[in-house]
Amino acid sequence: MSGEYERRPWLGRYPSWVPHDLNPGIANGVELFRRAVAKGGDRPALHYFQNTLSHAELDQSSDALAAALVAEGIEPGDRVGVYLQNVPQYPIAMLAIWKLGAVMVCLSPMMKAGELNYQLKDSGARAVIAHESAVHVVAEAARQTQAHLTITTSELDFLGDNPIPEPLLTSSPRAPGAGRWGATHDLLDLVHRYAGKWTGGPAIQPDDVAMMVYTSGTTGRPKGAMCTHRNVVFNSEVYRTWMQLGDGDVILGGAPLFHVSGLVGHMGAALAAACPLVLFYRFDPETTLTMAERWRCTFTIMAITAFRSLLNHPGLSDFDLSRFTKLYSGGAPVSAATVESFEARTGLYIRNLYGLTETTSPSHIVPPTMRAPVEPETGAVSVGLPVPSTVVKIVDPETGADLPAGEPAELWTRGPGVVPGYWQRPEATAEAFTDGYLHTGDVGFMDRWGWFYVVDRAKDMINASGFKVWPREVEDQLLQHSEIAEVAVVGVPDAYRCETVKAFVVATRGAALTSDDVITHAKRVMAAYKYPRQVEIVSELPKTETGKILRRDLRARTAEDRTESRETGPTRS
């Protein structure tokens, strides 16, 4: 059966410009950047609100920061944490770290001190580059870690002579001097002080680790996925090739840069294509639409929750998004209802791509000239075709046997984008990989034409009276209701059915939606064992920093509610 997947039936669906196998011929991320600089140093590399930095300026700033890090004792192979939002200092820091042969540790700026302490300690990071406003968090988190150096910076830097944009009006001006927080240094001060002093770094091999991105993987505490330069260069080139990115393209940085989609699908793709990347600190609908129109953006990747947020923006139709034709959503499969609603409002079609931290972003992409097929039975929208040089198969996790097309089971992926493992976690690595195949933990299937569909996370499956219910399928059906803006479905214990389906629903603005309305709609569109017996109308859903809905938080909340109910008992008058 494995031959079915090894033959890669999806290759027949590839666009003519996408090779079956891709060899970038570039050893590392620095070489990728050097190729972009060689196309013209005066070409724009970054647009930050209204200001522009050229490739030459990005090169000079990262050279100077690399020299400063070396002067402060950072050596090849050391880990350097980057604790920043989507600001120009992020690509500057990334390139500086790579130039000296060190490893970037991507730290979510949403983490609190305890969470940050765990990742600093686990990675052995020796330095942290952070927003000045978060330096007190870093100071607390760095205790009892190897992080001896803190470099601070401000989101107000690199605005040029332009007025402060509205999203940054509450930011504090940069503190003068480097001594405000003791042993900290200001990034701009270092860049000015070490300008022209970089003398070059070590040879960087393709299998050297470029960055560590923390992920829960399939189980357990967060683990550092070791993304090598080979991984990063390969998938950056996948984006460039697949999306035909080049002169005339402008990438909107809609995903967080600390996430693998932002790291590779934004920064890596921009380096590979030598095209500008638009940054604006962090996502909000108004700013996102303003920047897309202002810089005539052509391509982005965002979580589907971000697209829903744009869809709910009352002024969406007022923005000129005519060039914004390469729209992709990753992180969670999209629903047909959302795609259709967005296209109806804007004329723009959202395509799927799929990947994990461990695949260094995309392992599957819907070609930019095609519409994703929709599986008629479940309504699932295809996540696309596997990328070049990559084999994906559907495996029964209990037996390890490959299953034929159409049969749902766990996706296993092998290819140049797949990481070699987790930082200092040999047991977790052994558990997650078999013969080079990553066990994704996602359940899906391949149709007979080679299109892949992701049904859900294996651990999210609901067992209702012996029937398998996939939350995604229920969510997609509920989103067809015109007054439902967002929904998350989880399984909750049920004495009779083993588990039953519960839906947490966010109503559209101004709607007077009730639980009974939702259940009535659900009964009309889905089988009796699937429709939610419990519905809770909520103002918002818990999400990760990248926009993924946290079903585990909703399950935990339901469990807490049951515990409280048992402890207090019924109220009698």
Protein backbone atom coordinates (compact mmCIF):
# COMPACT_ATOMS: atom_id res chain seq x y z
CA MET A 1 0.00 0.00 0.00
CA SER A 2 2.90 2.39 0.69
CA GLY A 3 3.64 2.46 -3.04
CA GLU A 4 0.43 4.42 -3.59
CA TYR A 5 1.84 7.38 -1.66
CA GLU A 6 5.44 6.94 -2.79
CA ARG A 7 4.23 7.32 -6.39
CA ARG A 8 2.90 10.78 -5.41
CA PRO A 9 -0.37 10.80 -7.36
CA TRP A 10 -0.78 14.50 -6.60
CA LEU A 11 2.03 15.44 -9.01
CA GLY A 12 -0.45 15.29 -11.89
CA ARG A 13 -2.28 18.27 -10.37
CA TYR A 14 0.84 20.47 -10.08
CA PRO A 15 0.89 23.80 -11.94
CA SER A 16 3.31 23.76 -14.87
CA TRP A 17 5.82 26.03 -13.10
CA VAL A 18 6.18 23.87 -9.97
CA PRO A 19 8.89 21.18 -10.21
CA HIS A 20 8.19 17.72 -8.84
CA ASP A 21 11.42 17.97 -6.86
CA LEU A 22 13.03 21.17 -5.67
CA ASN A 23 16.73 21.74 -5.00
CA PRO A 24 17.29 25.36 -3.93
CA GLY A 25 21.08 25.11 -4.32
CA ILE A 26 21.53 27.48 -1.36
CA ALA A 27 23.26 26.33 1.81
CA ASN A 28 21.74 28.61 4.43
CA GLY A 29 19.54 31.56 5.25
CA VAL A 30 22.37 34.07 4.99
CA GLU A 31 23.06 32.99 1.40
CA LEU A 32 19.36 33.37 0.68
CA PHE A 33 19.54 36.96 1.93
CA ARG A 34 22.77 37.66 0.04
CA ARG A 35 21.02 36.64 -3.18
CA ALA A 36 18.29 39.19 -2.46
CA VAL A 37 20.84 41.94 -1.75
CA ALA A 38 22.64 41.13 -5.00
CA LYS A 39 19.49 41.99 -6.94
CA GLY A 40 19.87 45.59 -5.77
CA GLY A 41 20.63 47.00 -2.34
CA ASP A 42 18.33 49.96 -2.88
CA ARG A 43 15.29 47.74 -3.42
CA PRO A 44 12.76 47.91 -0.55
CA ALA A 45 13.07 45.07 1.95
CA LEU A 46 10.64 46.22 4.65
CA HIS A 47 7.72 48.63 4.85
CA TYR A 48 6.94 49.49 8.49
CA PHE A 49 3.76 51.52 8.63
CA GLN A 50 4.77 54.45 6.35
CA ASN A 51 8.55 53.96 6.44
CA THR A 52 10.73 51.83 4.15
CA LEU A 53 14.05 50.06 4.76
CA SER A 54 16.12 48.87 1.80
CA HIS A 55 17.93 45.57 1.50
CA ALA A 56 21.21 47.45 1.97
CA GLU A 57 19.97 49.04 5.21
CA LEU A 58 18.77 45.65 6.46
CA ASP A 59 22.18 44.19 5.60
CA GLN A 60 24.12 46.96 7.35
CA SER A 61 21.95 46.93 10.48
CA SER A 62 22.17 43.14 10.85
CA ASP A 63 25.95 43.26 10.25
CA ALA A 64 26.33 45.78 13.06
CA LEU A 65 24.12 43.81 15.44
CA ALA A 66 26.06 40.62 14.67
CA ALA A 67 29.31 42.44 15.54
CA ALA A 68 27.73 43.69 18.78
CA LEU A 69 26.58 40.20 19.79
CA VAL A 70 30.06 38.81 19.20
CA ALA A 71 31.55 41.64 21.29
CA GLU A 72 29.14 40.68 24.08
CA GLY A 73 30.37 37.08 24.07
CA ILE A 74 27.80 35.34 21.85
CA GLU A 75 29.45 32.52 19.88
CA PRO A 76 28.49 30.22 17.00
CA GLY A 77 25.95 27.66 18.17
CA ASP A 78 24.70 29.83 21.05
CA ARG A 79 20.98 30.37 21.33
CA VAL A 80 19.59 33.91 21.23
CA GLY A 81 15.97 34.54 22.17
CA VAL A 82 13.88 37.00 20.15
CA TYR A 83 10.87 38.26 22.12
CA LEU A 84 9.36 40.75 19.67
CA GLN A 85 6.20 41.65 17.80
CA ASN A 86 6.14 42.23 14.02
CA VAL A 87 8.70 45.03 13.86
CA PRO A 88 11.77 45.59 11.61
CA GLN A 89 14.04 44.60 14.50
CA TYR A 90 12.81 41.01 14.07
CA PRO A 91 14.39 40.36 10.63
CA ILE A 92 17.41 42.43 11.69
CA ALA A 93 17.88 40.19 14.74
CA MET A 94 17.28 37.00 12.74
CA LEU A 95 19.91 37.86 10.14
CA ALA A 96 22.40 39.01 12.77
CA ILE A 97 22.02 35.77 14.69
CA TRP A 98 22.41 33.71 11.52
CA LYS A 99 25.44 35.69 10.33
CA LEU A 100 27.40 34.82 13.46
CA GLY A 101 26.35 31.15 13.27
CA ALA A 102 24.05 31.25 16.31
CA VAL A 103 20.49 29.91 16.70
CA MET A 104 17.42 32.10 16.98
CA VAL A 105 14.92 31.03 19.66
CA CYS A 106 11.51 32.35 18.66
CA LEU A 107 9.66 33.55 21.77
CA SER A 108 6.04 34.60 21.78
CA PRO A 109 5.79 38.18 23.13
CA MET A 110 2.49 37.14 24.72
CA MET A 111 4.21 34.80 27.18
CA LYS A 112 4.33 35.68 30.86
CA ALA A 113 7.49 35.42 32.96
CA GLY A 114 6.97 31.81 34.04
CA GLU A 115 6.37 30.59 30.49
CA LEU A 116 9.32 32.60 29.20
CA ASN A 117 11.56 31.25 31.96
CA TYR A 118 10.79 27.68 30.89
CA GLN A 119 11.78 28.32 27.26
CA LEU A 120 14.89 30.31 28.15
CA LYS A 121 16.00 27.57 30.53
CA ASP A 122 15.14 24.73 28.16
CA SER A 123 16.90 26.32 25.17
CA GLY A 124 19.90 27.52 27.15
CA ALA A 125 19.56 30.94 25.52
CA ARG A 126 22.45 33.26 26.40
CA ALA A 127 20.81 36.49 25.23
CA VAL A 128 17.35 37.95 24.71
CA ILE A 129 16.26 40.70 22.32
CA ALA A 130 13.00 42.20 23.58
CA HIS A 131 10.72 45.21 23.55
CA GLU A 132 11.74 47.76 26.15
CA SER A 133 8.21 47.68 27.51
CA ALA A 134 8.66 43.98 28.33
CA VAL A 135 12.11 44.18 29.89
CA HIS A 136 10.73 43.69 33.42
CA VAL A 137 9.22 40.38 32.23
CA VAL A 138 12.56 39.34 30.76
CA ALA A 139 14.39 40.34 33.95
CA GLU A 140 12.12 38.10 36.02
CA ALA A 141 12.15 35.26 33.49
CA ALA A 142 15.94 35.26 33.05
CA ARG A 143 16.62 34.40 36.69
CA GLN A 144 18.40 31.06 37.05
CA THR A 145 18.94 30.81 33.29
CA GLN A 146 22.02 31.28 31.11
CA ALA A 147 20.64 34.51 29.60
CA HIS A 148 23.26 37.06 30.65
CA LEU A 149 22.56 39.68 27.99
CA THR A 150 19.36 41.63 27.31
CA ILE A 151 19.01 43.93 24.30
CA THR A 152 15.95 46.17 24.29
CA THR A 153 14.26 48.03 21.48
CA SER A 154 11.11 50.03 20.81
CA GLU A 155 8.31 49.62 18.31
CA LEU A 156 8.65 53.40 17.75
CA ASP A 157 12.10 52.93 16.21
CA PHE A 158 12.28 52.64 12.42
CA LEU A 159 9.24 54.86 11.88
CA GLY A 160 11.46 57.39 10.11
CA ASP A 161 10.18 60.97 10.10
CA ASN A 162 6.56 59.84 9.91
CA PRO A 163 4.06 60.61 12.67
CA ILE A 164 3.38 57.87 15.19
CA PRO A 165 0.65 55.62 13.75
CA GLU A 166 -2.54 55.19 15.73
CA PRO A 167 -1.82 51.59 16.89
CA LEU A 168 1.38 52.82 18.59
CA LEU A 169 0.02 56.01 20.22
CA THR A 170 0.07 54.34 23.65
CA SER A 171 3.72 53.25 23.29
CA SER A 172 6.27 54.98 25.50
CA PRO A 173 9.14 56.85 23.82
CA ARG A 174 12.46 55.02 23.77
CA ALA A 175 14.50 55.63 26.93
CA PRO A 176 17.77 57.43 26.23
CA GLY A 177 20.97 55.60 27.05
CA ALA A 178 21.64 51.95 27.78
CA GLY A 179 21.70 52.00 31.56
CA ARG A 180 18.03 52.31 32.40
CA TRP A 181 17.65 48.60 33.10
CA GLY A 182 21.11 47.82 34.41
CA ALA A 183 22.91 45.32 32.17
CA THR A 184 20.72 45.97 29.11
CA HIS A 185 21.72 47.49 25.81
CA ASP A 186 19.61 49.42 23.32
CA LEU A 187 19.50 47.82 19.88
CA LEU A 188 19.73 51.09 17.95
CA ASP A 189 22.68 52.21 20.08
CA LEU A 190 24.46 48.95 19.30
CA VAL A 191 23.71 49.24 15.57
CA HIS A 192 25.20 52.76 15.51
CA ARG A 193 28.19 51.84 17.68
CA TYR A 194 29.16 48.75 15.69
CA ALA A 195 28.37 50.06 12.20
CA GLY A 196 30.96 48.81 9.71
CA LYS A 197 32.71 46.55 12.27
CA TRP A 198 31.43 43.17 11.11
CA THR A 199 34.26 41.03 9.72
CA GLY A 200 32.27 37.94 8.77
CA GLY A 201 31.12 34.77 10.48
CA PRO A 202 31.75 31.04 10.24
CA ALA A 203 30.68 28.75 7.41
CA ILE A 204 27.09 27.72 8.01
CA GLN A 205 26.12 24.20 6.96
CA PRO A 206 22.66 23.24 5.67
CA ASP A 207 22.02 20.96 8.66
CA ASP A 208 23.01 23.57 11.24
CA VAL A 209 20.03 24.67 13.33
CA ALA A 210 18.75 28.08 12.18
CA MET A 211 15.99 28.56 14.72
CA MET A 212 14.07 26.84 17.46
CA VAL A 213 10.31 27.21 17.52
CA TYR A 214 8.49 25.87 20.56
CA THR A 215 5.51 23.63 20.02
CA SER A 216 3.52 21.20 22.09
CA GLY A 217 3.87 18.70 19.25
CA THR A 218 1.37 15.92 19.77
CA THR A 219 1.77 15.64 23.57
CA GLY A 220 3.47 17.09 26.61
CA ARG A 221 5.19 20.35 27.53
CA PRO A 222 6.43 22.68 24.77
CA LYS A 223 9.43 21.32 22.90
CA GLY A 224 11.90 23.21 20.75
CA ALA A 225 11.54 22.06 17.14
CA MET A 226 14.97 22.41 15.54
CA CYS A 227 14.43 24.06 12.15
CA THR A 228 17.66 23.74 10.18
CA HIS A 229 18.92 26.10 7.50
CA ARG A 230 18.06 23.37 4.99
CA ASN A 231 14.46 23.33 6.26
CA VAL A 232 14.13 27.12 6.18
CA VAL A 233 15.71 27.62 2.75
CA PHE A 234 13.72 24.78 1.20
CA ASN A 235 10.30 25.99 2.33
CA SER A 236 11.14 29.64 1.63
CA GLU A 237 11.85 28.54 -1.93
CA VAL A 238 8.64 26.50 -1.97
CA TYR A 239 6.70 29.70 -1.26
CA ARG A 240 8.61 31.66 -3.90
CA THR A 241 8.17 28.98 -6.55
CA TRP A 242 4.61 27.87 -5.80
CA MET A 243 3.19 31.41 -5.44
CA GLN A 244 5.35 32.79 -8.28
CA LEU A 245 6.61 35.53 -5.97
CA GLY A 246 9.02 38.07 -7.43
CA ASP A 247 9.15 41.59 -8.83
CA GLY A 248 5.85 43.32 -8.25
CA ASP A 249 4.87 41.22 -5.25
CA VAL A 250 4.46 42.68 -1.76
CA ILE A 251 3.97 40.39 1.25
CA LEU A 252 1.67 41.47 4.07
CA GLY A 253 2.99 40.30 7.46
CA GLY A 254 -0.38 39.21 8.82
CA ALA A 255 0.92 36.24 10.83
CA PRO A 256 3.11 36.69 13.93
CA LEU A 257 6.81 36.51 13.06
CA PHE A 258 7.51 34.28 16.06
CA HIS A 259 5.25 31.63 14.49
CA VAL A 260 6.56 29.34 11.76
CA SER A 261 4.08 30.80 9.22
CA GLY A 262 5.45 34.29 9.81
CA LEU A 263 9.05 33.13 10.03
CA VAL A 264 9.03 31.22 6.74
CA GLY A 265 5.89 32.34 4.90
CA HIS A 266 6.66 36.01 5.50
CA MET A 267 10.35 36.59 6.25
CA GLY A 268 11.72 33.54 4.43
CA ALA A 269 9.49 34.06 1.38
CA ALA A 270 10.40 37.77 1.23
CA LEU A 271 14.12 36.91 1.28
CA ALA A 272 13.70 34.20 -1.36
CA ALA A 273 11.70 36.47 -3.68
CA ALA A 274 13.65 39.67 -2.85
CA CYS A 275 10.31 41.44 -2.44
CA PRO A 276 9.13 43.79 0.33
CA LEU A 277 7.54 42.61 3.57
CA VAL A 278 4.95 44.89 5.21
CA LEU A 279 5.06 44.98 9.03
CA PHE A 280 2.71 46.80 11.40
CA TYR A 281 3.48 45.63 14.94
CA ARG A 282 0.54 43.22 15.34
CA PHE A 283 -2.74 42.28 13.73
CA ASP A 284 -5.86 44.33 14.03
CA PRO A 285 -8.47 44.53 11.25
CA GLU A 286 -8.32 48.26 10.53
CA THR A 287 -4.52 48.43 10.35
CA THR A 288 -4.29 45.24 8.32
CA LEU A 289 -6.67 46.56 5.69
CA THR A 290 -5.00 49.98 5.68
CA MET A 291 -1.54 48.50 5.14
CA ALA A 292 -2.76 46.09 2.46
CA GLU A 293 -4.23 49.01 0.51
CA ARG A 294 -1.37 51.45 1.22
CA TRP A 295 1.40 49.12 -0.01
CA ARG A 296 -0.69 47.31 -2.67
CA CYS A 297 -0.02 43.92 -1.10
CA THR A 298 -0.37 40.78 -3.19
CA PHE A 299 0.24 37.83 -0.83
CA THR A 300 -0.29 36.87 2.80
CA ILE A 301 -0.90 33.95 5.15
CA MET A 302 -3.19 34.46 8.13
CA ALA A 303 -5.21 32.27 10.47
CA ILE A 304 -8.80 31.86 9.37
CA THR A 305 -9.85 33.72 12.52
CA ALA A 306 -7.99 36.77 11.17
CA PHE A 307 -9.91 36.56 7.89
CA ARG A 308 -13.16 36.26 9.85
CA SER A 309 -12.16 39.40 11.74
CA LEU A 310 -11.66 41.22 8.42
CA LEU A 311 -14.98 39.86 7.21
CA ASN A 312 -16.71 41.34 10.26
CA HIS A 313 -15.08 44.76 9.76
CA PRO A 314 -17.87 47.14 8.74
CA GLY A 315 -15.62 49.07 6.33
CA LEU A 316 -14.18 46.06 4.49
CA SER A 317 -15.76 47.05 1.17
CA ASP A 318 -14.23 50.55 1.34
CA PHE A 319 -10.65 49.29 0.88
CA ASP A 320 -9.02 48.70 -2.50
CA LEU A 321 -7.70 45.15 -2.25
CA SER A 322 -7.66 44.49 -5.98
CA ARG A 323 -4.03 43.33 -6.03
CA PHE A 324 -4.46 41.12 -2.96
CA THR A 325 -5.04 37.98 -5.00
CA LYS A 326 -2.74 35.46 -3.28
CA LEU A 327 -4.59 34.96 0.00
CA TYR A 328 -3.79 31.90 2.08
CA SER A 329 -4.93 30.63 5.43
CA GLY A 330 -2.90 28.27 7.60
CA GLY A 331 -2.90 27.03 11.16
CA ALA A 332 -6.41 25.58 10.99
CA PRO A 333 -8.49 24.31 8.09
CA VAL A 334 -10.94 26.82 6.67
CA SER A 335 -14.66 26.30 6.35
CA ALA A 336 -16.42 26.56 3.00
CA ALA A 337 -18.89 29.03 4.55
CA THR A 338 -16.13 31.46 5.52
CA VAL A 339 -14.45 31.23 2.11
CA GLU A 340 -17.76 31.85 0.33
CA SER A 341 -18.69 34.81 2.57
CA PHE A 342 -15.29 36.45 2.15
CA GLU A 343 -15.40 36.03 -1.61
CA ALA A 344 -18.92 37.45 -1.77
CA ARG A 345 -17.80 40.59 0.12
CA THR A 346 -14.44 41.16 -1.55
CA GLY A 347 -14.24 39.11 -4.72
CA LEU A 348 -11.13 37.47 -3.25
CA TYR A 349 -10.77 33.71 -2.74
CA ILE A 350 -8.95 32.35 0.32
CA ARG A 351 -6.87 29.25 -0.38
CA ASN A 352 -5.69 26.71 2.13
CA LEU A 353 -2.22 25.66 3.03
CA TYR A 354 -1.27 23.22 5.73
CA GLY A 355 1.79 22.48 7.78
CA LEU A 356 3.15 22.31 11.28
CA THR A 357 6.06 23.78 13.16
CA GLU A 358 7.77 20.44 12.59
CA THR A 359 7.35 20.77 8.80
CA THR A 360 8.77 24.33 8.88
CA SER A 361 5.48 25.70 7.54
CA PRO A 362 3.92 24.29 4.39
CA SER A 363 3.68 20.61 3.61
CA HIS A 364 0.53 21.12 1.49
CA ILE A 365 -0.64 24.07 -0.63
CA VAL A 366 -3.61 24.74 -2.88
CA PRO A 367 -2.17 26.05 -6.19
CA PRO A 368 -2.85 29.77 -6.71
CA THR A 369 -4.70 29.13 -9.98
CA MET A 370 -7.05 26.47 -8.54
CA ARG A 371 -10.00 26.39 -6.20
CA ALA A 372 -9.76 23.84 -3.41
CA PRO A 373 -12.11 20.91 -3.87
CA VAL A 374 -14.72 20.34 -1.16
CA GLU A 375 -15.35 16.79 0.05
CA PRO A 376 -19.10 16.33 -0.50
CA GLU A 377 -19.84 14.07 2.48
CA THR A 378 -18.15 16.09 5.23
CA GLY A 379 -17.93 19.52 3.60
CA ALA A 380 -14.20 19.64 4.38
CA VAL A 381 -12.17 22.00 2.18
CA SER A 382 -8.96 20.45 0.86
CA VAL A 383 -5.72 21.67 2.43
CA GLY A 384 -4.00 21.18 -0.91
CA LEU A 385 -1.34 19.06 -2.55
CA PRO A 386 1.94 17.99 -0.91
CA VAL A 387 4.83 20.30 -1.83
CA PRO A 388 7.78 19.18 -4.02
CA SER A 389 10.18 16.47 -2.80
CA THR A 390 7.67 15.50 -0.11
CA VAL A 391 5.76 12.29 0.57
CA VAL A 392 2.64 12.27 2.73
CA LYS A 393 0.78 9.11 3.59
CA ILE A 394 -2.26 8.11 5.64
CA VAL A 395 -1.34 5.67 8.40
CA ASP A 396 -3.31 3.71 10.97
CA PRO A 397 -1.47 4.85 14.14
CA GLU A 398 -2.30 1.62 15.97
CA THR A 399 -0.93 -0.78 13.35
CA GLY A 400 1.47 1.45 11.39
CA ALA A 401 -0.18 0.26 8.16
CA ASP A 402 -0.82 2.59 5.24
CA LEU A 403 -4.49 3.03 4.37
CA PRO A 404 -5.87 3.47 0.85
CA ALA A 405 -7.20 6.69 -0.65
CA GLY A 406 -10.44 7.81 0.96
CA GLU A 407 -9.74 6.17 4.33
CA PRO A 408 -9.18 8.66 7.21
CA ALA A 409 -6.27 8.15 9.62
CA GLU A 410 -3.15 10.01 10.76
CA LEU A 411 -1.06 12.02 8.30
CA TRP A 412 2.64 11.09 8.23
CA THR A 413 4.99 13.44 6.36
CA ARG A 414 8.57 13.09 5.05
CA GLY A 415 10.56 15.65 3.09
CA PRO A 416 13.21 18.42 3.14
CA GLY A 417 10.95 20.69 5.21
CA VAL A 418 10.60 18.21 8.09
CA VAL A 419 12.78 19.03 11.10
CA PRO A 420 15.29 16.46 12.42
CA GLY A 421 13.72 16.48 15.88
CA TYR A 422 13.26 18.30 19.16
CA TRP A 423 15.97 20.09 21.12
CA GLN A 424 17.41 17.77 23.79
CA ARG A 425 14.33 15.51 23.60
CA PRO A 426 15.51 12.20 22.11
CA GLU A 427 12.55 10.28 23.53
CA ALA A 428 10.01 12.75 22.13
CA THR A 429 11.83 12.71 18.79
CA ALA A 430 11.76 8.91 18.67
CA GLU A 431 8.05 8.93 19.49
CA ALA A 432 7.19 11.49 16.80
CA PHE A 433 9.20 10.04 13.90
CA THR A 434 9.32 6.70 12.08
CA ASP A 435 11.79 6.15 9.23
CA GLY A 436 11.96 9.89 8.61
CA TYR A 437 8.18 10.33 8.66
CA LEU A 438 6.73 12.84 11.11
CA HIS A 439 3.57 11.66 12.88
CA THR A 440 1.51 14.85 12.59
CA GLY A 441 -1.24 13.95 15.07
CA ASP A 442 -3.77 15.19 12.52
CA VAL A 443 -6.44 12.94 11.06
CA GLY A 444 -7.20 13.24 7.38
CA PHE A 445 -7.38 11.43 4.07
CA MET A 446 -6.28 11.64 0.44
CA ASP A 447 -8.78 11.41 -2.38
CA ARG A 448 -8.05 9.46 -5.55
CA TRP A 449 -6.67 12.54 -7.31
CA GLY A 450 -4.08 13.28 -4.62
CA TRP A 451 -5.87 16.12 -2.81
CA PHE A 452 -5.54 15.97 0.98
CA TYR A 453 -8.14 16.81 3.59
CA VAL A 454 -7.56 17.33 7.32
CA VAL A 455 -10.52 16.21 9.38
CA ASP A 456 -9.29 17.18 12.84
CA ARG A 457 -6.74 16.62 15.54
CA ALA A 458 -6.87 12.98 16.62
CA LYS A 459 -7.24 13.97 20.27
CA ASP A 460 -10.29 16.17 19.49
CA MET A 461 -12.45 13.35 18.12
CA ILE A 462 -15.76 12.98 20.01
CA ASN A 463 -17.22 9.53 20.72
CA ALA A 464 -21.00 10.01 20.83
CA SER A 465 -22.84 6.73 21.42
CA GLY A 466 -20.09 4.92 19.52
CA PHE A 467 -20.19 7.30 16.55
CA LYS A 468 -17.10 9.32 15.64
CA VAL A 469 -17.84 13.02 15.49
CA TRP A 470 -15.18 15.38 14.18
CA PRO A 471 -15.54 18.89 15.67
CA ARG A 472 -14.46 20.56 12.43
CA GLU A 473 -17.31 19.02 10.50
CA VAL A 474 -19.87 20.26 13.04
CA GLU A 475 -18.25 23.72 13.13
CA ASP A 476 -18.35 24.02 9.34
CA GLN A 477 -22.06 23.20 9.31
CA LEU A 478 -22.85 25.67 12.10
CA LEU A 479 -20.95 28.46 10.33
CA GLN A 480 -23.51 28.28 7.54
CA HIS A 481 -25.90 30.09 9.92
CA SER A 482 -25.83 33.78 9.00
CA GLU A 483 -25.81 34.95 12.63
CA ILE A 484 -22.86 32.80 13.76
CA ALA A 485 -19.49 34.59 13.53
CA GLU A 486 -17.30 31.96 15.22
CA VAL A 487 -17.81 28.55 16.76
CA ALA A 488 -15.82 25.89 18.58
CA VAL A 489 -17.07 22.38 19.24
CA VAL A 490 -15.85 20.02 21.98
CA GLY A 491 -16.90 16.73 23.49
CA VAL A 492 -18.22 16.71 27.06
CA PRO A 493 -18.95 13.65 29.23
CA ASP A 494 -22.46 12.27 29.02
CA ALA A 495 -23.79 9.46 31.22
CA TYR A 496 -25.90 7.96 28.42
CA ARG A 497 -23.95 8.76 25.21
CA CYS A 498 -20.38 8.48 26.66
CA GLU A 499 -19.72 11.92 25.17
CA THR A 500 -21.99 14.54 23.69
CA VAL A 501 -21.33 17.51 21.46
CA LYS A 502 -21.15 21.01 22.93
CA ALA A 503 -20.83 24.17 20.83
CA PHE A 504 -19.45 27.50 22.01
CA VAL A 505 -20.86 30.15 19.67
CA VAL A 506 -20.00 33.81 19.04
CA ALA A 507 -22.88 35.68 17.39
CA THR A 508 -22.39 38.22 14.63
CA ARG A 509 -22.54 41.85 15.67
CA GLY A 510 -26.08 42.90 16.64
CA ALA A 511 -27.59 39.43 16.29
CA ALA A 512 -30.03 38.18 18.94
CA LEU A 513 -28.95 34.57 18.59
CA THR A 514 -30.12 31.99 21.14
CA SER A 515 -29.00 28.46 21.95
CA ASP A 516 -32.31 27.12 20.64
CA ASP A 517 -31.70 28.89 17.31
CA VAL A 518 -28.36 27.12 16.97
CA ILE A 519 -29.74 23.69 17.86
CA THR A 520 -32.68 24.11 15.47
CA HIS A 521 -30.28 24.97 12.63
CA ALA A 522 -27.98 22.07 13.55
CA LYS A 523 -30.84 19.56 13.49
CA ARG A 524 -31.69 20.70 9.97
CA VAL A 525 -28.20 20.26 8.50
CA MET A 526 -26.57 17.30 10.27
CA ALA A 527 -27.19 13.77 11.50
CA ALA A 528 -28.80 13.23 14.89
CA TYR A 529 -25.63 11.90 16.51
CA LYS A 530 -23.63 14.96 15.38
CA TYR A 531 -25.71 17.97 16.29
CA PRO A 532 -24.79 19.75 19.57
CA ARG A 533 -27.03 18.94 22.51
CA GLN A 534 -25.45 21.81 24.45
CA VAL A 535 -24.86 25.32 23.14
CA GLU A 536 -23.29 28.23 25.00
CA ILE A 537 -23.38 31.73 23.52
CA VAL A 538 -20.10 33.51 24.39
CA SER A 539 -18.60 36.91 23.61
CA GLU A 540 -15.29 35.46 22.39
CA LEU A 541 -13.39 32.20 22.04
CA PRO A 542 -10.01 31.51 23.65
CA LYS A 543 -7.25 31.55 21.05
CA THR A 544 -3.50 31.16 20.76
CA GLU A 545 -1.37 34.13 19.74
CA THR A 546 -1.60 32.85 16.17
CA GLY A 547 -5.40 32.72 16.13
CA LYS A 548 -6.00 29.01 16.66
CA ILE A 549 -9.02 28.28 18.81
CA LEU A 550 -8.07 26.56 22.07
CA ARG A 551 -10.52 23.71 22.36
CA ARG A 552 -8.62 22.34 25.36
CA ASP A 553 -9.42 25.54 27.30
CA LEU A 554 -13.10 25.10 26.51
CA ARG A 555 -13.00 21.47 27.63
CA ALA A 556 -11.28 22.52 30.86
CA ARG A 557 -13.86 25.26 31.42
CA THR A 558 -16.68 22.77 30.97
CA ALA A 559 -15.01 20.41 33.46
CA GLU A 560 -14.69 23.24 36.00
CA ASP A 561 -18.37 24.11 35.56
CA ARG A 562 -19.34 20.50 36.26
CA THR A 563 -17.13 20.37 39.36
CA GLU A 564 -18.59 23.59 40.73
CA SER A 565 -22.10 22.33 40.05
CA ARG A 566 -21.44 19.09 41.95
CA GLU A 567 -19.87 20.95 44.88
CA THR A 568 -22.63 23.54 45.29
CA GLY A 569 -25.52 21.25 44.43
CA PRO A 570 -28.94 22.44 43.33
CA THR A 571 -30.39 25.60 44.82
CA ARG A 572 -33.74 25.18 46.55
CA SER A 573 -36.13 27.95 47.52
